[in-house]
Amino acid sequence: PDEAALFVVGDVAGHGVDAVATMAQLRFTAKGMVSTGSSLTGALARLNFLLLHSRDAQSTATLVLARYDPAERRLAWAQAGHPPPLLVRGGRAYRLDRPAGMLLGASANPVYESAEFQLEPGDRLLLYTDGLVERLGEDIDAGLDRLAAAALAAGPASLDDLLAAMLTGERRDDVCVLDIRVPVEGEEQPPPRAVSHR
């Protein structure tokens, strides 16, 4: 109702129909909770409870929730064991400092914190799953650095170029990327774009 946008990206442990169903349940439940007044951290705590008491109590998931207020260009976000969003601004790429939050389904008493920051015209924010940055036998920081370099090399307009640079060789995990861009004044802006690869 207040014209804010909710962005959700997550990854459930495992593969197949059960993992897809669990992720869909988490996504739509998060949307319902935040849309009806829950804070981001409150929603994560309730999603954790839901996952702990679901049919398959052994399931875990990572998740990032971000709420964007377009009037103030303010993004509030919280995460549950998920890789940090990547902010591209002014020809540089930055990993956002992650607020505290452990993966969903791992503890009955998790702590979730949130962070806020101001987006600026021309900013690009990438939310993604670990399948985009992880490679077998490689430290995840190397993959995060590779993502930053690919985002800068691909330029502001091409998610396809970024994916081509990142998805080389054998992949063992699904990939989801949400590409969010803040328009420059007077610039026509397409809606956020999400891409998933299997």
N, C-alpha and C. Protein backbone atom coordinates (compact mmCIF):
# COMPACT_ATOMS: atom_id res chain seq x y z
N PRO A 1 0.80 -1.23 0.00
CA PRO A 1 0.00 0.00 0.00
C PRO A 1 0.83 1.28 0.00
N ASP A 2 2.03 1.24 0.60
CA ASP A 2 2.88 2.45 0.64
C ASP A 2 3.82 2.53 -0.55
N GLU A 3 3.62 1.66 -1.55
CA GLU A 3 4.40 1.63 -2.78
C GLU A 3 5.84 1.18 -2.59
N ALA A 4 6.16 0.61 -1.43
CA ALA A 4 7.47 0.01 -1.23
C ALA A 4 7.53 -1.29 -2.02
N ALA A 5 8.76 -1.75 -2.26
CA ALA A 5 8.96 -3.02 -2.97
C ALA A 5 9.65 -3.98 -2.02
N LEU A 6 9.28 -5.25 -2.09
CA LEU A 6 9.92 -6.29 -1.30
C LEU A 6 10.69 -7.19 -2.25
N PHE A 7 11.98 -7.37 -1.98
CA PHE A 7 12.81 -8.27 -2.78
C PHE A 7 13.20 -9.45 -1.91
N VAL A 8 13.03 -10.65 -2.44
CA VAL A 8 13.34 -11.88 -1.71
C VAL A 8 14.14 -12.80 -2.62
N VAL A 9 15.30 -13.24 -2.12
CA VAL A 9 16.08 -14.26 -2.82
C VAL A 9 16.53 -15.26 -1.77
N GLY A 10 16.39 -16.54 -2.09
CA GLY A 10 16.77 -17.56 -1.12
C GLY A 10 17.18 -18.85 -1.79
N ASP A 11 17.62 -19.76 -0.95
CA ASP A 11 18.12 -21.04 -1.43
C ASP A 11 17.86 -22.09 -0.36
N VAL A 12 17.11 -23.12 -0.70
CA VAL A 12 16.82 -24.21 0.22
C VAL A 12 17.82 -25.32 0.00
N ALA A 13 18.30 -25.92 1.10
CA ALA A 13 19.22 -27.06 0.98
C ALA A 13 18.51 -28.20 0.26
N GLY A 14 19.23 -28.84 -0.64
CA GLY A 14 18.66 -29.95 -1.39
C GLY A 14 18.23 -29.54 -2.77
N HIS A 15 17.66 -30.50 -3.48
CA HIS A 15 17.23 -30.28 -4.86
C HIS A 15 15.88 -30.94 -5.06
N GLY A 16 15.28 -30.67 -6.17
CA GLY A 16 14.04 -31.34 -6.54
C GLY A 16 12.80 -30.59 -6.12
N VAL A 17 11.66 -31.27 -6.28
CA VAL A 17 10.35 -30.67 -6.06
C VAL A 17 10.18 -30.24 -4.60
N ASP A 18 10.66 -31.02 -3.64
CA ASP A 18 10.50 -30.64 -2.23
C ASP A 18 11.21 -29.32 -1.93
N ALA A 19 12.42 -29.15 -2.45
CA ALA A 19 13.17 -27.90 -2.22
C ALA A 19 12.45 -26.72 -2.88
N VAL A 20 11.95 -26.92 -4.08
CA VAL A 20 11.22 -25.86 -4.77
C VAL A 20 9.95 -25.48 -3.99
N ALA A 21 9.23 -26.49 -3.49
CA ALA A 21 8.00 -26.22 -2.73
C ALA A 21 8.32 -25.47 -1.44
N THR A 22 9.39 -25.86 -0.76
CA THR A 22 9.78 -25.17 0.47
C THR A 22 10.15 -23.72 0.19
N MET A 23 10.92 -23.49 -0.90
CA MET A 23 11.30 -22.11 -1.23
C MET A 23 10.08 -21.27 -1.57
N ALA A 24 9.15 -21.83 -2.31
CA ALA A 24 7.93 -21.10 -2.65
C ALA A 24 7.14 -20.76 -1.39
N GLN A 25 7.05 -21.70 -0.47
CA GLN A 25 6.35 -21.45 0.79
C GLN A 25 7.02 -20.32 1.57
N LEU A 26 8.35 -20.35 1.66
CA LEU A 26 9.07 -19.31 2.39
C LEU A 26 8.88 -17.94 1.72
N ARG A 27 8.99 -17.91 0.39
CA ARG A 27 8.87 -16.64 -0.34
C ARG A 27 7.51 -16.00 -0.15
N PHE A 28 6.45 -16.79 -0.36
CA PHE A 28 5.12 -16.21 -0.28
C PHE A 28 4.70 -15.90 1.15
N THR A 29 5.19 -16.69 2.10
CA THR A 29 4.93 -16.39 3.51
C THR A 29 5.64 -15.10 3.90
N ALA A 30 6.89 -14.93 3.47
CA ALA A 30 7.63 -13.68 3.75
C ALA A 30 6.89 -12.48 3.16
N LYS A 31 6.42 -12.62 1.94
CA LYS A 31 5.69 -11.53 1.29
C LYS A 31 4.44 -11.17 2.09
N GLY A 32 3.70 -12.17 2.51
CA GLY A 32 2.48 -11.91 3.28
C GLY A 32 2.78 -11.24 4.61
N MET A 33 3.82 -11.72 5.30
CA MET A 33 4.14 -11.15 6.61
C MET A 33 4.60 -9.70 6.50
N VAL A 34 5.53 -9.41 5.58
CA VAL A 34 6.05 -8.06 5.46
C VAL A 34 4.97 -7.12 4.92
N SER A 35 4.16 -7.60 4.00
CA SER A 35 3.09 -6.76 3.44
C SER A 35 2.05 -6.38 4.49
N THR A 36 1.90 -7.21 5.52
CA THR A 36 0.89 -6.93 6.54
C THR A 36 1.50 -6.37 7.82
N GLY A 37 2.76 -5.92 7.76
CA GLY A 37 3.31 -5.17 8.87
C GLY A 37 4.47 -5.77 9.64
N SER A 38 4.86 -7.00 9.37
CA SER A 38 6.01 -7.58 10.08
C SER A 38 7.29 -6.88 9.66
N SER A 39 8.19 -6.72 10.60
CA SER A 39 9.53 -6.23 10.26
C SER A 39 10.27 -7.32 9.49
N LEU A 40 11.34 -6.95 8.84
CA LEU A 40 12.14 -7.95 8.12
C LEU A 40 12.70 -8.99 9.08
N THR A 41 13.21 -8.54 10.22
CA THR A 41 13.79 -9.48 11.19
C THR A 41 12.70 -10.34 11.84
N GLY A 42 11.55 -9.74 12.07
CA GLY A 42 10.43 -10.53 12.61
C GLY A 42 9.99 -11.59 11.63
N ALA A 43 9.96 -11.24 10.35
CA ALA A 43 9.59 -12.22 9.32
C ALA A 43 10.60 -13.36 9.28
N LEU A 44 11.89 -13.05 9.36
CA LEU A 44 12.90 -14.11 9.35
C LEU A 44 12.75 -15.03 10.55
N ALA A 45 12.49 -14.47 11.73
CA ALA A 45 12.31 -15.29 12.93
C ALA A 45 11.10 -16.23 12.77
N ARG A 46 10.03 -15.72 12.19
CA ARG A 46 8.84 -16.55 11.99
C ARG A 46 9.06 -17.60 10.90
N LEU A 47 9.80 -17.23 9.85
CA LEU A 47 10.12 -18.21 8.81
C LEU A 47 11.01 -19.32 9.38
N ASN A 48 11.92 -18.95 10.27
CA ASN A 48 12.76 -19.95 10.92
C ASN A 48 11.89 -20.93 11.72
N PHE A 49 10.94 -20.39 12.48
CA PHE A 49 10.01 -21.22 13.26
C PHE A 49 9.22 -22.14 12.33
N LEU A 50 8.72 -21.58 11.24
CA LEU A 50 7.96 -22.35 10.26
C LEU A 50 8.78 -23.51 9.72
N LEU A 51 10.04 -23.24 9.37
CA LEU A 51 10.90 -24.29 8.81
C LEU A 51 11.24 -25.35 9.86
N LEU A 52 11.48 -24.93 11.09
CA LEU A 52 11.78 -25.89 12.16
C LEU A 52 10.62 -26.82 12.43
N HIS A 53 9.39 -26.35 12.21
CA HIS A 53 8.21 -27.15 12.53
C HIS A 53 7.46 -27.61 11.30
N SER A 54 8.16 -27.67 10.17
CA SER A 54 7.53 -28.12 8.93
C SER A 54 7.56 -29.65 8.86
N ARG A 55 6.96 -30.16 7.82
CA ARG A 55 6.91 -31.61 7.60
C ARG A 55 8.30 -32.22 7.60
N ASP A 56 9.26 -31.54 6.99
CA ASP A 56 10.65 -32.00 6.97
C ASP A 56 11.47 -31.07 7.86
N ALA A 57 11.55 -31.40 9.15
CA ALA A 57 12.23 -30.53 10.11
C ALA A 57 13.74 -30.51 9.92
N GLN A 58 14.27 -31.29 8.98
CA GLN A 58 15.71 -31.30 8.74
C GLN A 58 16.12 -30.28 7.69
N SER A 59 15.16 -29.59 7.10
CA SER A 59 15.45 -28.66 6.02
C SER A 59 16.03 -27.35 6.55
N THR A 60 16.97 -26.79 5.79
CA THR A 60 17.52 -25.46 6.09
C THR A 60 17.45 -24.61 4.83
N ALA A 61 17.54 -23.31 5.03
CA ALA A 61 17.49 -22.40 3.89
C ALA A 61 18.24 -21.13 4.23
N THR A 62 18.76 -20.47 3.20
CA THR A 62 19.30 -19.13 3.35
C THR A 62 18.32 -18.18 2.66
N LEU A 63 18.33 -16.93 3.12
CA LEU A 63 17.35 -15.99 2.58
C LEU A 63 17.82 -14.57 2.80
N VAL A 64 17.55 -13.71 1.85
CA VAL A 64 17.73 -12.27 2.05
C VAL A 64 16.40 -11.60 1.74
N LEU A 65 15.99 -10.71 2.65
CA LEU A 65 14.78 -9.90 2.47
C LEU A 65 15.21 -8.45 2.40
N ALA A 66 14.72 -7.73 1.42
CA ALA A 66 15.05 -6.31 1.29
C ALA A 66 13.76 -5.55 0.99
N ARG A 67 13.57 -4.45 1.70
CA ARG A 67 12.39 -3.60 1.51
C ARG A 67 12.88 -2.24 1.03
N TYR A 68 12.40 -1.84 -0.15
CA TYR A 68 12.86 -0.60 -0.78
C TYR A 68 11.75 0.44 -0.73
N ASP A 69 12.06 1.61 -0.19
CA ASP A 69 11.15 2.75 -0.16
C ASP A 69 11.56 3.70 -1.29
N PRO A 70 10.80 3.72 -2.40
CA PRO A 70 11.23 4.53 -3.54
C PRO A 70 11.18 6.04 -3.28
N ALA A 71 10.31 6.49 -2.39
CA ALA A 71 10.23 7.92 -2.12
C ALA A 71 11.51 8.45 -1.50
N GLU A 72 12.12 7.65 -0.64
CA GLU A 72 13.36 8.06 0.02
C GLU A 72 14.59 7.34 -0.54
N ARG A 73 14.37 6.44 -1.49
CA ARG A 73 15.43 5.59 -2.06
C ARG A 73 16.21 4.88 -0.94
N ARG A 74 15.49 4.43 0.08
CA ARG A 74 16.10 3.75 1.22
C ARG A 74 15.81 2.26 1.13
N LEU A 75 16.86 1.46 1.31
CA LEU A 75 16.73 0.01 1.30
C LEU A 75 17.05 -0.52 2.69
N ALA A 76 16.11 -1.22 3.28
CA ALA A 76 16.34 -1.93 4.53
C ALA A 76 16.46 -3.41 4.17
N TRP A 77 17.39 -4.12 4.81
CA TRP A 77 17.53 -5.52 4.46
C TRP A 77 18.00 -6.33 5.66
N ALA A 78 17.69 -7.62 5.61
CA ALA A 78 18.09 -8.58 6.63
C ALA A 78 18.39 -9.88 5.91
N GLN A 79 19.17 -10.72 6.55
CA GLN A 79 19.54 -11.97 5.89
C GLN A 79 19.63 -13.11 6.89
N ALA A 80 19.45 -14.31 6.36
CA ALA A 80 19.58 -15.53 7.15
C ALA A 80 20.60 -16.42 6.45
N GLY A 81 21.89 -16.23 6.79
CA GLY A 81 22.95 -17.07 6.25
C GLY A 81 23.18 -16.94 4.76
N HIS A 82 22.79 -15.82 4.18
CA HIS A 82 22.83 -15.65 2.72
C HIS A 82 24.01 -14.78 2.30
N PRO A 83 24.55 -15.01 1.08
CA PRO A 83 25.64 -14.15 0.60
C PRO A 83 25.21 -12.69 0.53
N PRO A 84 26.15 -11.77 0.72
CA PRO A 84 25.80 -10.34 0.76
C PRO A 84 25.44 -9.79 -0.61
N PRO A 85 24.47 -8.87 -0.67
CA PRO A 85 24.20 -8.20 -1.94
C PRO A 85 25.44 -7.44 -2.43
N LEU A 86 25.51 -7.26 -3.73
CA LEU A 86 26.60 -6.50 -4.34
C LEU A 86 26.04 -5.18 -4.85
N LEU A 87 26.64 -4.09 -4.41
CA LEU A 87 26.25 -2.75 -4.84
C LEU A 87 27.29 -2.24 -5.83
N VAL A 88 26.84 -1.83 -7.01
CA VAL A 88 27.72 -1.21 -8.00
C VAL A 88 27.35 0.27 -8.06
N ARG A 89 28.34 1.11 -7.75
CA ARG A 89 28.11 2.55 -7.67
C ARG A 89 29.37 3.29 -8.12
N GLY A 90 29.20 4.23 -9.04
CA GLY A 90 30.30 5.10 -9.42
C GLY A 90 31.53 4.36 -9.92
N GLY A 91 31.34 3.28 -10.67
CA GLY A 91 32.48 2.54 -11.22
C GLY A 91 33.18 1.63 -10.23
N ARG A 92 32.59 1.39 -9.07
CA ARG A 92 33.15 0.48 -8.08
C ARG A 92 32.08 -0.49 -7.62
N ALA A 93 32.50 -1.65 -7.13
CA ALA A 93 31.58 -2.66 -6.63
C ALA A 93 31.89 -2.93 -5.16
N TYR A 94 30.83 -3.01 -4.35
CA TYR A 94 30.97 -3.19 -2.91
C TYR A 94 30.08 -4.33 -2.44
N ARG A 95 30.61 -5.21 -1.62
CA ARG A 95 29.78 -6.18 -0.91
C ARG A 95 29.20 -5.47 0.30
N LEU A 96 27.91 -5.54 0.48
CA LEU A 96 27.31 -4.92 1.65
C LEU A 96 27.70 -5.71 2.90
N ASP A 97 27.95 -5.00 3.99
CA ASP A 97 28.24 -5.65 5.27
C ASP A 97 26.97 -6.33 5.75
N ARG A 98 27.09 -7.63 6.01
CA ARG A 98 25.90 -8.40 6.39
C ARG A 98 25.52 -8.17 7.85
N PRO A 99 24.25 -7.84 8.09
CA PRO A 99 23.79 -7.84 9.47
C PRO A 99 23.72 -9.29 9.97
N ALA A 100 23.72 -9.48 11.30
CA ALA A 100 23.71 -10.83 11.86
C ALA A 100 22.46 -11.59 11.41
N GLY A 101 22.64 -12.87 11.20
CA GLY A 101 21.51 -13.73 10.85
C GLY A 101 21.97 -15.10 10.41
N MET A 102 21.56 -16.13 11.14
CA MET A 102 21.96 -17.48 10.76
C MET A 102 20.90 -18.12 9.87
N LEU A 103 21.31 -19.19 9.17
CA LEU A 103 20.40 -19.78 8.21
C LEU A 103 19.13 -20.28 8.89
N LEU A 104 18.06 -20.30 8.13
CA LEU A 104 16.76 -20.73 8.62
C LEU A 104 16.77 -22.23 8.88
N GLY A 105 16.16 -22.64 9.98
CA GLY A 105 16.05 -24.06 10.29
C GLY A 105 17.23 -24.63 11.05
N ALA A 106 18.20 -23.79 11.44
CA ALA A 106 19.40 -24.28 12.11
C ALA A 106 19.35 -24.15 13.62
N SER A 107 18.49 -23.27 14.14
CA SER A 107 18.46 -23.00 15.58
C SER A 107 17.06 -22.57 16.00
N ALA A 108 16.69 -22.95 17.21
CA ALA A 108 15.40 -22.53 17.74
C ALA A 108 15.45 -21.09 18.25
N ASN A 109 16.64 -20.55 18.46
CA ASN A 109 16.78 -19.20 19.02
C ASN A 109 17.76 -18.34 18.21
N PRO A 110 17.50 -18.14 16.93
CA PRO A 110 18.43 -17.33 16.14
C PRO A 110 18.27 -15.84 16.42
N VAL A 111 19.29 -15.09 16.07
CA VAL A 111 19.24 -13.63 16.18
C VAL A 111 19.33 -13.07 14.76
N TYR A 112 18.40 -12.19 14.42
CA TYR A 112 18.41 -11.54 13.12
C TYR A 112 18.47 -10.04 13.33
N GLU A 113 19.35 -9.38 12.58
CA GLU A 113 19.47 -7.94 12.62
C GLU A 113 19.22 -7.41 11.21
N SER A 114 18.96 -6.12 11.13
CA SER A 114 18.75 -5.51 9.81
C SER A 114 19.71 -4.35 9.63
N ALA A 115 19.84 -3.92 8.39
CA ALA A 115 20.68 -2.77 8.04
C ALA A 115 19.90 -1.93 7.04
N GLU A 116 20.26 -0.66 6.96
CA GLU A 116 19.64 0.25 6.00
C GLU A 116 20.71 1.06 5.30
N PHE A 117 20.44 1.42 4.07
CA PHE A 117 21.31 2.36 3.38
C PHE A 117 20.53 3.05 2.28
N GLN A 118 21.10 4.15 1.86
CA GLN A 118 20.48 4.99 0.83
C GLN A 118 21.01 4.57 -0.53
N LEU A 119 20.10 4.31 -1.45
CA LEU A 119 20.51 4.08 -2.83
C LEU A 119 20.53 5.41 -3.56
N GLU A 120 21.39 5.50 -4.56
CA GLU A 120 21.55 6.74 -5.34
C GLU A 120 21.19 6.49 -6.80
N PRO A 121 20.80 7.53 -7.53
CA PRO A 121 20.53 7.35 -8.95
C PRO A 121 21.73 6.72 -9.65
N GLY A 122 21.46 5.73 -10.47
CA GLY A 122 22.53 5.02 -11.18
C GLY A 122 23.05 3.79 -10.46
N ASP A 123 22.66 3.57 -9.20
CA ASP A 123 23.10 2.39 -8.46
C ASP A 123 22.51 1.12 -9.07
N ARG A 124 23.26 0.06 -8.93
CA ARG A 124 22.82 -1.27 -9.33
C ARG A 124 23.06 -2.19 -8.15
N LEU A 125 22.05 -2.96 -7.79
CA LEU A 125 22.15 -3.87 -6.66
C LEU A 125 21.84 -5.27 -7.15
N LEU A 126 22.73 -6.21 -6.84
CA LEU A 126 22.54 -7.60 -7.24
C LEU A 126 22.30 -8.46 -6.00
N LEU A 127 21.16 -9.15 -5.99
CA LEU A 127 20.87 -10.18 -5.00
C LEU A 127 20.95 -11.50 -5.75
N TYR A 128 21.54 -12.51 -5.15
CA TYR A 128 21.84 -13.75 -5.89
C TYR A 128 21.96 -14.91 -4.92
N THR A 129 21.93 -16.11 -5.45
CA THR A 129 22.17 -17.30 -4.65
C THR A 129 23.64 -17.71 -4.77
N ASP A 130 24.07 -18.55 -3.85
CA ASP A 130 25.48 -18.94 -3.81
C ASP A 130 25.92 -19.72 -5.04
N GLY A 131 24.98 -20.30 -5.78
CA GLY A 131 25.34 -21.01 -7.01
C GLY A 131 26.01 -20.12 -8.04
N LEU A 132 25.80 -18.81 -7.94
CA LEU A 132 26.43 -17.88 -8.87
C LEU A 132 27.92 -17.71 -8.57
N VAL A 133 28.31 -17.79 -7.31
CA VAL A 133 29.68 -17.44 -6.93
C VAL A 133 30.52 -18.62 -6.45
N GLU A 134 29.89 -19.73 -6.08
CA GLU A 134 30.67 -20.87 -5.56
C GLU A 134 31.17 -21.78 -6.68
N ARG A 135 32.41 -22.18 -6.52
CA ARG A 135 33.01 -23.19 -7.39
C ARG A 135 33.70 -24.22 -6.52
N LEU A 136 33.62 -25.46 -6.93
CA LEU A 136 34.19 -26.57 -6.17
C LEU A 136 35.68 -26.33 -5.91
N GLY A 137 36.08 -26.46 -4.64
CA GLY A 137 37.49 -26.34 -4.27
C GLY A 137 38.00 -24.92 -4.17
N GLU A 138 37.10 -23.93 -4.25
CA GLU A 138 37.52 -22.53 -4.23
C GLU A 138 36.86 -21.81 -3.05
N ASP A 139 37.59 -20.94 -2.39
CA ASP A 139 37.05 -20.14 -1.31
C ASP A 139 35.96 -19.21 -1.87
N ILE A 140 34.88 -19.04 -1.13
CA ILE A 140 33.76 -18.22 -1.63
C ILE A 140 34.18 -16.77 -1.88
N ASP A 141 35.18 -16.26 -1.13
CA ASP A 141 35.63 -14.89 -1.36
C ASP A 141 36.16 -14.70 -2.77
N ALA A 142 36.78 -15.72 -3.33
CA ALA A 142 37.25 -15.64 -4.72
C ALA A 142 36.07 -15.47 -5.67
N GLY A 143 34.98 -16.20 -5.40
CA GLY A 143 33.79 -16.07 -6.22
C GLY A 143 33.12 -14.72 -6.07
N LEU A 144 33.12 -14.18 -4.85
CA LEU A 144 32.54 -12.86 -4.63
C LEU A 144 33.36 -11.77 -5.33
N ASP A 145 34.70 -11.93 -5.32
CA ASP A 145 35.56 -10.99 -6.04
C ASP A 145 35.33 -11.10 -7.55
N ARG A 146 35.15 -12.34 -8.04
CA ARG A 146 34.88 -12.54 -9.46
C ARG A 146 33.56 -11.89 -9.87
N LEU A 147 32.56 -11.97 -8.99
CA LEU A 147 31.27 -11.34 -9.28
C LEU A 147 31.43 -9.82 -9.37
N ALA A 148 32.18 -9.23 -8.44
CA ALA A 148 32.40 -7.78 -8.48
C ALA A 148 33.07 -7.37 -9.78
N ALA A 149 34.10 -8.12 -10.18
CA ALA A 149 34.80 -7.81 -11.44
C ALA A 149 33.88 -7.98 -12.64
N ALA A 150 33.07 -9.03 -12.65
CA ALA A 150 32.16 -9.27 -13.77
C ALA A 150 31.09 -8.18 -13.85
N ALA A 151 30.59 -7.73 -12.69
CA ALA A 151 29.56 -6.67 -12.69
C ALA A 151 30.12 -5.38 -13.26
N LEU A 152 31.37 -5.08 -12.95
CA LEU A 152 31.99 -3.87 -13.49
C LEU A 152 32.30 -4.01 -14.98
N ALA A 153 32.78 -5.17 -15.39
CA ALA A 153 33.14 -5.40 -16.79
C ALA A 153 31.90 -5.46 -17.69
N ALA A 154 30.79 -5.99 -17.15
CA ALA A 154 29.58 -6.14 -17.96
C ALA A 154 28.91 -4.81 -18.23
N GLY A 155 29.22 -3.81 -17.45
CA GLY A 155 28.58 -2.51 -17.65
C GLY A 155 27.20 -2.49 -17.04
N PRO A 156 26.58 -1.34 -17.04
CA PRO A 156 25.31 -1.19 -16.34
C PRO A 156 24.12 -1.85 -17.01
N ALA A 157 24.23 -2.17 -18.29
CA ALA A 157 23.03 -2.58 -19.00
C ALA A 157 22.88 -4.08 -19.19
N SER A 158 23.91 -4.87 -18.92
CA SER A 158 23.82 -6.25 -19.37
C SER A 158 23.95 -7.28 -18.26
N LEU A 159 22.81 -7.83 -17.85
CA LEU A 159 22.82 -8.97 -16.95
C LEU A 159 23.29 -10.22 -17.70
N ASP A 160 22.97 -10.30 -19.00
CA ASP A 160 23.40 -11.45 -19.79
C ASP A 160 24.92 -11.56 -19.84
N ASP A 161 25.63 -10.44 -20.01
CA ASP A 161 27.10 -10.47 -20.02
C ASP A 161 27.66 -10.90 -18.68
N LEU A 162 27.05 -10.43 -17.61
CA LEU A 162 27.50 -10.82 -16.27
C LEU A 162 27.32 -12.32 -16.07
N LEU A 163 26.16 -12.84 -16.45
CA LEU A 163 25.92 -14.28 -16.30
C LEU A 163 26.86 -15.11 -17.16
N ALA A 164 27.15 -14.65 -18.35
CA ALA A 164 28.07 -15.38 -19.23
C ALA A 164 29.46 -15.46 -18.59
N ALA A 165 29.88 -14.39 -17.93
CA ALA A 165 31.19 -14.38 -17.28
C ALA A 165 31.21 -15.27 -16.04
N MET A 166 30.10 -15.35 -15.34
CA MET A 166 30.06 -16.07 -14.07
C MET A 166 29.74 -17.55 -14.22
N LEU A 167 29.00 -17.92 -15.25
CA LEU A 167 28.50 -19.30 -15.36
C LEU A 167 29.30 -20.11 -16.36
N THR A 168 30.62 -20.09 -16.22
CA THR A 168 31.47 -20.91 -17.09
C THR A 168 31.78 -22.21 -16.38
N GLY A 169 32.03 -23.26 -17.15
CA GLY A 169 32.40 -24.55 -16.57
C GLY A 169 31.20 -25.25 -15.95
N GLU A 170 31.51 -26.29 -15.19
CA GLU A 170 30.47 -27.11 -14.58
C GLU A 170 29.87 -26.41 -13.37
N ARG A 171 28.53 -26.43 -13.29
CA ARG A 171 27.83 -25.87 -12.14
C ARG A 171 27.15 -26.99 -11.39
N ARG A 172 27.24 -26.96 -10.06
CA ARG A 172 26.62 -27.99 -9.23
C ARG A 172 25.38 -27.47 -8.50
N ASP A 173 25.06 -26.21 -8.69
CA ASP A 173 23.97 -25.62 -7.93
C ASP A 173 23.12 -24.73 -8.83
N ASP A 174 21.86 -24.57 -8.45
CA ASP A 174 20.98 -23.66 -9.16
C ASP A 174 21.45 -22.22 -8.93
N VAL A 175 21.07 -21.35 -9.84
CA VAL A 175 21.47 -19.94 -9.76
C VAL A 175 20.23 -19.07 -9.92
N CYS A 176 20.13 -18.07 -9.06
CA CYS A 176 19.10 -17.06 -9.18
C CYS A 176 19.76 -15.70 -8.97
N VAL A 177 19.44 -14.74 -9.83
CA VAL A 177 19.98 -13.38 -9.71
C VAL A 177 18.83 -12.39 -9.86
N LEU A 178 18.78 -11.45 -8.94
CA LEU A 178 17.83 -10.34 -9.03
C LEU A 178 18.64 -9.08 -9.25
N ASP A 179 18.42 -8.41 -10.37
CA ASP A 179 19.18 -7.24 -10.80
C ASP A 179 18.30 -6.00 -10.60
N ILE A 180 18.66 -5.16 -9.63
CA ILE A 180 17.86 -3.99 -9.27
C ILE A 180 18.65 -2.74 -9.65
N ARG A 181 18.01 -1.81 -10.34
CA ARG A 181 18.69 -0.59 -10.76
C ARG A 181 17.89 0.63 -10.37
N VAL A 182 18.59 1.64 -9.88
CA VAL A 182 17.94 2.90 -9.51
C VAL A 182 18.09 3.84 -10.70
N PRO A 183 16.98 4.33 -11.25
CA PRO A 183 17.08 5.16 -12.45
C PRO A 183 17.76 6.50 -12.18
N VAL A 184 18.43 6.98 -13.20
CA VAL A 184 18.95 8.34 -13.18
C VAL A 184 17.79 9.24 -13.56
N GLU A 185 17.73 10.43 -13.00
CA GLU A 185 16.63 11.35 -13.24
C GLU A 185 16.33 11.48 -14.73
N GLY A 186 15.05 11.28 -15.10
CA GLY A 186 14.62 11.43 -16.48
C GLY A 186 14.87 10.21 -17.34
N GLU A 187 15.51 9.18 -16.80
CA GLU A 187 15.83 7.98 -17.57
C GLU A 187 14.69 6.98 -17.47
N GLU A 188 14.30 6.41 -18.59
CA GLU A 188 13.29 5.35 -18.58
C GLU A 188 13.93 4.12 -17.94
N GLN A 189 13.23 3.51 -16.99
CA GLN A 189 13.81 2.41 -16.23
C GLN A 189 12.96 1.15 -16.38
N PRO A 190 13.58 0.05 -16.80
CA PRO A 190 12.83 -1.21 -16.83
C PRO A 190 12.62 -1.71 -15.40
N PRO A 191 11.65 -2.59 -15.19
CA PRO A 191 11.43 -3.14 -13.84
C PRO A 191 12.60 -4.04 -13.45
N PRO A 192 12.76 -4.37 -12.14
CA PRO A 192 13.81 -5.28 -11.73
C PRO A 192 13.72 -6.59 -12.51
N ARG A 193 14.84 -7.18 -12.81
CA ARG A 193 14.87 -8.38 -13.62
C ARG A 193 15.43 -9.53 -12.79
N ALA A 194 14.75 -10.64 -12.83
CA ALA A 194 15.22 -11.84 -12.13
C ALA A 194 15.48 -12.93 -13.16
N VAL A 195 16.56 -13.66 -12.97
CA VAL A 195 16.91 -14.75 -13.86
C VAL A 195 17.30 -15.95 -13.01
N SER A 196 16.80 -17.11 -13.38
CA SER A 196 17.19 -18.35 -12.70
C SER A 196 17.76 -19.30 -13.73
N HIS A 197 18.79 -20.02 -13.34
CA HIS A 197 19.39 -21.04 -14.20
C HIS A 197 19.47 -22.34 -13.43
N ARG A 198 19.26 -23.42 -14.11
CA ARG A 198 19.42 -24.76 -13.50
C ARG A 198 20.51 -25.49 -14.24
